[in-house]
Structures are given as structure tokens and as C-alpha cells.
């Protein structure tokens, strides 16, 4: 009788929650594999759309130098001269890397 109401047969077990089956637009029950496939495709789509430009990362110093050059070309006020980066200081956790 519970199957007629749209509830899973397993919902009749003690301690189970009574939740209606998931149906798609045509009234068919959605299977876990179809749901997993949909979620996998959405994750792949999100990963592909998160791609940025293909270039190495800019350090803050390099970005400041480039901004200064761009301002010179555009004849705009120059940003302050960037200080060159300091030498690499050792950190206590460096050996772990």
C-alpha cells in the first residue's frame, strides 16, 4: 500500500523515514547512478570553467613593476616604486616541503 502512495517499500522498515521517491519530469524514478552521473558532469563542468589564463603566476613585485610600466605608457600618474623582494628567509616548517 505504501508503494501506491509514492513511498519506497524500504520506508516501511522500522526506523526508516517516510520520504517520497524521487521522480524526474516523466514520472520515472531517478536512480542513484543517474544522479551520480549528473553530479559528476556538473563537477567536471565547474572544473573546466574555472580555468584562468595560461601563464605563470605573477609575484607582487612583478605586478607592481608591470603596473608602473603600464601607467608610463598611458601617461597616467605613476604608482610608487616597488621595493625589490627580499631574499628567501627560512621557515621552521620548510624541511617538511
N, C-alpha and C. Protein backbone atom coordinates (compact mmCIF):
# COMPACT_ATOMS: atom_id res chain seq x y z
N UNK A 1 0.81 -1.19 0.00
CA UNK A 1 0.00 0.00 0.00
C UNK A 1 0.86 1.26 0.00
N UNK A 2 2.00 1.20 0.70
CA UNK A 2 2.84 2.38 0.73
C UNK A 2 3.44 2.68 -0.64
N UNK A 3 3.64 1.63 -1.47
CA UNK A 3 4.18 1.85 -2.81
C UNK A 3 3.17 2.60 -3.67
N UNK A 4 1.90 2.40 -3.41
CA UNK A 4 0.88 3.10 -4.18
C UNK A 4 0.88 4.59 -3.87
N UNK A 5 1.30 4.96 -2.68
CA UNK A 5 1.31 6.36 -2.28
C UNK A 5 2.56 7.09 -2.74
N UNK A 6 3.47 6.37 -3.41
CA UNK A 6 4.68 7.01 -3.89
C UNK A 6 5.82 6.90 -2.90
N UNK A 7 5.70 6.03 -1.91
CA UNK A 7 6.76 5.86 -0.93
C UNK A 7 7.51 4.58 -1.23
N UNK A 8 8.77 4.56 -0.88
CA UNK A 8 9.60 3.41 -1.12
C UNK A 8 9.14 2.24 -0.25
N UNK A 9 9.33 1.02 -0.74
CA UNK A 9 8.98 -0.17 0.02
C UNK A 9 9.85 -0.25 1.27
N UNK A 10 11.09 0.21 1.17
CA UNK A 10 12.00 0.18 2.31
C UNK A 10 11.58 1.16 3.40
N UNK A 11 10.73 2.11 3.07
CA UNK A 11 10.28 3.08 4.06
C UNK A 11 9.39 2.44 5.11
N UNK A 12 8.88 1.25 4.82
CA UNK A 12 8.02 0.57 5.78
C UNK A 12 8.83 -0.11 6.88
N UNK A 13 10.16 -0.18 6.72
CA UNK A 13 11.01 -0.79 7.74
C UNK A 13 11.02 0.07 8.99
N UNK A 14 11.17 -0.54 10.18
CA UNK A 14 11.21 0.24 11.41
C UNK A 14 12.40 1.19 11.41
N UNK A 15 12.20 2.41 11.83
CA UNK A 15 13.26 3.41 11.91
C UNK A 15 13.53 4.14 10.62
N UNK A 16 12.90 3.74 9.52
CA UNK A 16 13.13 4.40 8.25
C UNK A 16 12.23 5.62 8.14
N UNK A 17 12.77 6.63 7.51
CA UNK A 17 11.97 7.84 7.29
C UNK A 17 11.04 7.62 6.11
N UNK A 18 9.87 8.16 6.19
CA UNK A 18 8.95 8.07 5.06
C UNK A 18 9.20 9.25 4.14
N UNK A 19 9.89 8.98 3.07
CA UNK A 19 10.21 10.02 2.11
C UNK A 19 9.72 9.56 0.74
N UNK A 20 9.15 10.44 -0.02
CA UNK A 20 8.69 10.04 -1.35
C UNK A 20 9.87 9.73 -2.27
N UNK A 21 9.65 8.84 -3.22
CA UNK A 21 10.69 8.53 -4.20
C UNK A 21 10.94 9.77 -5.05
N UNK A 22 12.16 9.86 -5.57
CA UNK A 22 12.48 10.99 -6.45
C UNK A 22 12.06 10.61 -7.87
N UNK A 23 11.35 11.49 -8.51
CA UNK A 23 10.88 11.25 -9.87
C UNK A 23 11.40 12.35 -10.77
N UNK A 24 11.65 11.99 -12.03
CA UNK A 24 12.03 13.00 -13.00
C UNK A 24 10.76 13.59 -13.63
N UNK A 25 10.93 14.37 -14.69
CA UNK A 25 9.79 15.06 -15.30
C UNK A 25 8.73 14.11 -15.84
N UNK A 26 9.15 12.93 -16.26
CA UNK A 26 8.22 11.98 -16.85
C UNK A 26 7.60 11.05 -15.83
N UNK A 27 7.89 11.26 -14.55
CA UNK A 27 7.32 10.43 -13.51
C UNK A 27 8.12 9.18 -13.22
N UNK A 28 9.28 9.01 -13.88
CA UNK A 28 10.11 7.83 -13.62
C UNK A 28 10.97 8.07 -12.40
N UNK A 29 11.27 6.99 -11.68
CA UNK A 29 12.11 7.09 -10.50
C UNK A 29 13.55 7.34 -10.93
N UNK A 30 14.22 8.32 -10.30
CA UNK A 30 15.62 8.61 -10.60
C UNK A 30 16.49 7.62 -9.84
N UNK A 31 17.38 6.98 -10.53
CA UNK A 31 18.27 6.02 -9.92
C UNK A 31 19.53 6.72 -9.43
N UNK A 32 20.20 6.10 -8.49
CA UNK A 32 21.42 6.67 -7.92
C UNK A 32 22.49 6.86 -8.98
N UNK A 33 22.58 5.96 -9.94
CA UNK A 33 23.60 6.08 -10.99
C UNK A 33 23.35 7.32 -11.86
N UNK A 34 22.10 7.60 -12.13
CA UNK A 34 21.78 8.78 -12.93
C UNK A 34 22.11 10.05 -12.15
N UNK A 35 21.83 10.04 -10.86
CA UNK A 35 22.14 11.19 -10.02
C UNK A 35 23.65 11.36 -9.91
N UNK A 36 24.39 10.27 -9.76
CA UNK A 36 25.84 10.33 -9.68
C UNK A 36 26.43 10.84 -10.99
N UNK A 37 25.91 10.39 -12.10
CA UNK A 37 26.38 10.86 -13.40
C UNK A 37 26.15 12.36 -13.55
N UNK A 38 24.99 12.83 -13.16
CA UNK A 38 24.67 14.25 -13.24
C UNK A 38 25.61 15.07 -12.38
N UNK A 39 25.85 14.62 -11.16
CA UNK A 39 26.75 15.35 -10.27
C UNK A 39 28.19 15.34 -10.80
N UNK A 40 28.62 14.23 -11.36
CA UNK A 40 29.97 14.14 -11.93
C UNK A 40 30.13 15.10 -13.11
N UNK A 41 29.13 15.14 -13.97
CA UNK A 41 29.20 16.06 -15.12
C UNK A 41 29.20 17.52 -14.67
N UNK A 42 28.41 17.83 -13.66
CA UNK A 42 28.41 19.20 -13.15
C UNK A 42 29.76 19.57 -12.52
N UNK A 43 30.38 18.64 -11.82
CA UNK A 43 31.70 18.89 -11.22
C UNK A 43 32.75 19.10 -12.31
N UNK A 44 32.69 18.29 -13.37
CA UNK A 44 33.63 18.44 -14.47
C UNK A 44 33.43 19.77 -15.18
N UNK A 45 32.20 20.17 -15.35
CA UNK A 45 31.91 21.45 -15.98
C UNK A 45 32.44 22.60 -15.13
N UNK A 46 32.25 22.52 -13.83
CA UNK A 46 32.75 23.57 -12.94
C UNK A 46 34.27 23.62 -12.96
N UNK A 47 34.93 22.48 -13.05
CA UNK A 47 36.40 22.46 -13.08
C UNK A 47 36.93 23.09 -14.37
N UNK A 48 36.26 22.83 -15.48
CA UNK A 48 36.72 23.38 -16.76
C UNK A 48 36.48 24.89 -16.82
N UNK A 49 35.39 25.36 -16.29
CA UNK A 49 35.10 26.79 -16.37
C UNK A 49 35.94 27.60 -15.40
N UNK A 50 36.62 26.94 -14.46
CA UNK A 50 37.44 27.66 -13.50
C UNK A 50 38.84 27.92 -14.03
N UNK A 51 39.11 27.57 -15.27
CA UNK A 51 40.45 27.77 -15.83
C UNK A 51 40.71 29.26 -16.03
N UNK A 52 41.92 29.65 -15.78
CA UNK A 52 42.32 31.04 -15.96
C UNK A 52 43.23 31.18 -17.16
N UNK A 53 44.03 32.21 -17.16
CA UNK A 53 44.94 32.40 -18.29
C UNK A 53 46.11 31.43 -18.16
N UNK A 54 46.69 31.10 -19.29
CA UNK A 54 47.82 30.17 -19.29
C UNK A 54 49.09 30.99 -19.19
N UNK A 55 49.57 31.19 -18.00
CA UNK A 55 50.81 31.92 -17.78
C UNK A 55 51.27 31.63 -16.36
N UNK A 56 52.55 31.83 -16.11
CA UNK A 56 52.99 31.64 -14.73
C UNK A 56 52.40 32.72 -13.82
N UNK A 57 52.35 32.43 -12.55
CA UNK A 57 51.81 33.40 -11.60
C UNK A 57 52.73 34.61 -11.50
N UNK A 58 52.14 35.76 -11.30
CA UNK A 58 52.92 36.99 -11.12
C UNK A 58 53.17 37.19 -9.64
N UNK A 59 54.41 37.54 -9.32
CA UNK A 59 54.71 37.90 -7.94
C UNK A 59 54.21 39.32 -7.71
N UNK A 60 54.00 39.73 -6.48
CA UNK A 60 53.56 41.10 -6.23
C UNK A 60 54.55 42.13 -6.79
N UNK A 61 55.84 41.81 -6.72
CA UNK A 61 56.84 42.74 -7.25
C UNK A 61 56.69 42.88 -8.77
N UNK A 62 56.57 41.74 -9.47
CA UNK A 62 56.41 41.79 -10.93
C UNK A 62 55.14 42.52 -11.33
N UNK A 63 54.07 42.33 -10.59
CA UNK A 63 52.81 43.02 -10.89
C UNK A 63 52.95 44.52 -10.68
N UNK A 64 53.66 44.92 -9.64
CA UNK A 64 53.86 46.35 -9.39
C UNK A 64 54.73 46.99 -10.47
N UNK A 65 55.77 46.28 -10.91
CA UNK A 65 56.62 46.80 -11.99
C UNK A 65 55.81 46.93 -13.27
N UNK A 66 54.98 45.92 -13.57
CA UNK A 66 54.15 45.99 -14.78
C UNK A 66 53.13 47.12 -14.71
N UNK A 67 52.55 47.34 -13.54
CA UNK A 67 51.59 48.44 -13.38
C UNK A 67 52.27 49.77 -13.59
N UNK A 68 53.50 49.87 -13.13
CA UNK A 68 54.26 51.12 -13.32
C UNK A 68 54.54 51.35 -14.80
N UNK A 69 54.92 50.30 -15.53
CA UNK A 69 55.18 50.43 -16.97
C UNK A 69 53.90 50.80 -17.72
N UNK A 70 52.78 50.17 -17.35
CA UNK A 70 51.50 50.48 -18.00
C UNK A 70 51.09 51.93 -17.75
N UNK A 71 51.33 52.43 -16.55
CA UNK A 71 50.99 53.82 -16.22
C UNK A 71 51.87 54.78 -17.01
N UNK A 72 53.14 54.43 -17.22
CA UNK A 72 54.04 55.28 -18.01
C UNK A 72 53.55 55.38 -19.45
N UNK A 73 53.16 54.23 -20.02
CA UNK A 73 52.68 54.21 -21.41
C UNK A 73 51.42 55.05 -21.57
N UNK A 74 50.53 54.97 -20.58
CA UNK A 74 49.25 55.68 -20.65
C UNK A 74 49.36 57.13 -20.19
N UNK A 75 50.56 57.53 -19.80
CA UNK A 75 50.81 58.89 -19.31
C UNK A 75 49.88 59.25 -18.16
N UNK A 76 49.78 58.30 -17.22
CA UNK A 76 48.99 58.50 -16.00
C UNK A 76 49.95 58.65 -14.84
N UNK A 77 49.45 59.10 -13.69
CA UNK A 77 50.35 59.21 -12.53
C UNK A 77 50.96 57.85 -12.18
N UNK A 78 52.25 57.89 -11.90
CA UNK A 78 52.95 56.63 -11.61
C UNK A 78 52.71 56.16 -10.19
N UNK A 79 52.49 54.89 -10.02
CA UNK A 79 52.40 54.34 -8.66
C UNK A 79 53.80 54.36 -8.03
N UNK A 80 53.88 54.21 -6.73
CA UNK A 80 55.21 54.25 -6.09
C UNK A 80 56.11 53.12 -6.59
N UNK A 81 57.41 53.39 -6.56
CA UNK A 81 58.40 52.42 -6.99
C UNK A 81 58.34 51.19 -6.08
N UNK A 82 58.20 50.00 -6.65
CA UNK A 82 58.13 48.82 -5.78
C UNK A 82 59.51 48.47 -5.22
N UNK A 83 59.52 48.01 -4.00
CA UNK A 83 60.76 47.57 -3.38
C UNK A 83 61.08 46.16 -3.88
N UNK A 84 62.35 45.91 -4.22
CA UNK A 84 62.68 44.56 -4.69
C UNK A 84 62.45 43.53 -3.59
N UNK A 85 62.11 42.32 -3.97
CA UNK A 85 61.83 41.31 -2.94
C UNK A 85 63.09 40.96 -2.14
N UNK A 86 62.85 40.62 -0.88
CA UNK A 86 63.96 40.22 -0.02
C UNK A 86 64.35 38.79 -0.32
N UNK A 87 65.52 38.43 0.13
CA UNK A 87 65.95 37.04 -0.08
C UNK A 87 65.05 36.12 0.73
N UNK A 88 65.01 34.88 0.32
CA UNK A 88 64.13 33.91 0.98
C UNK A 88 64.62 33.65 2.40
N UNK A 89 63.73 33.87 3.36
CA UNK A 89 64.06 33.61 4.76
C UNK A 89 63.58 32.21 5.11
N UNK A 90 64.42 31.43 5.77
CA UNK A 90 63.99 30.07 6.12
C UNK A 90 62.88 30.09 7.17
N UNK A 91 61.99 29.11 7.07
CA UNK A 91 60.88 28.96 7.99
C UNK A 91 61.01 27.60 8.65
N UNK A 92 60.53 27.47 9.86
CA UNK A 92 60.73 26.24 10.63
C UNK A 92 60.12 25.01 9.97
N UNK A 93 59.07 25.17 9.19
CA UNK A 93 58.40 24.04 8.54
C UNK A 93 58.91 23.75 7.13
N UNK A 94 59.90 24.51 6.65
CA UNK A 94 60.43 24.30 5.30
C UNK A 94 60.92 22.88 5.04
N UNK A 95 61.57 22.22 5.99
CA UNK A 95 62.03 20.84 5.69
C UNK A 95 60.89 19.87 5.38
N UNK A 96 59.67 20.19 5.79
CA UNK A 96 58.54 19.30 5.51
C UNK A 96 58.12 19.34 4.05
N UNK A 97 58.44 20.40 3.38
CA UNK A 97 58.01 20.56 1.99
C UNK A 97 58.89 19.80 1.07
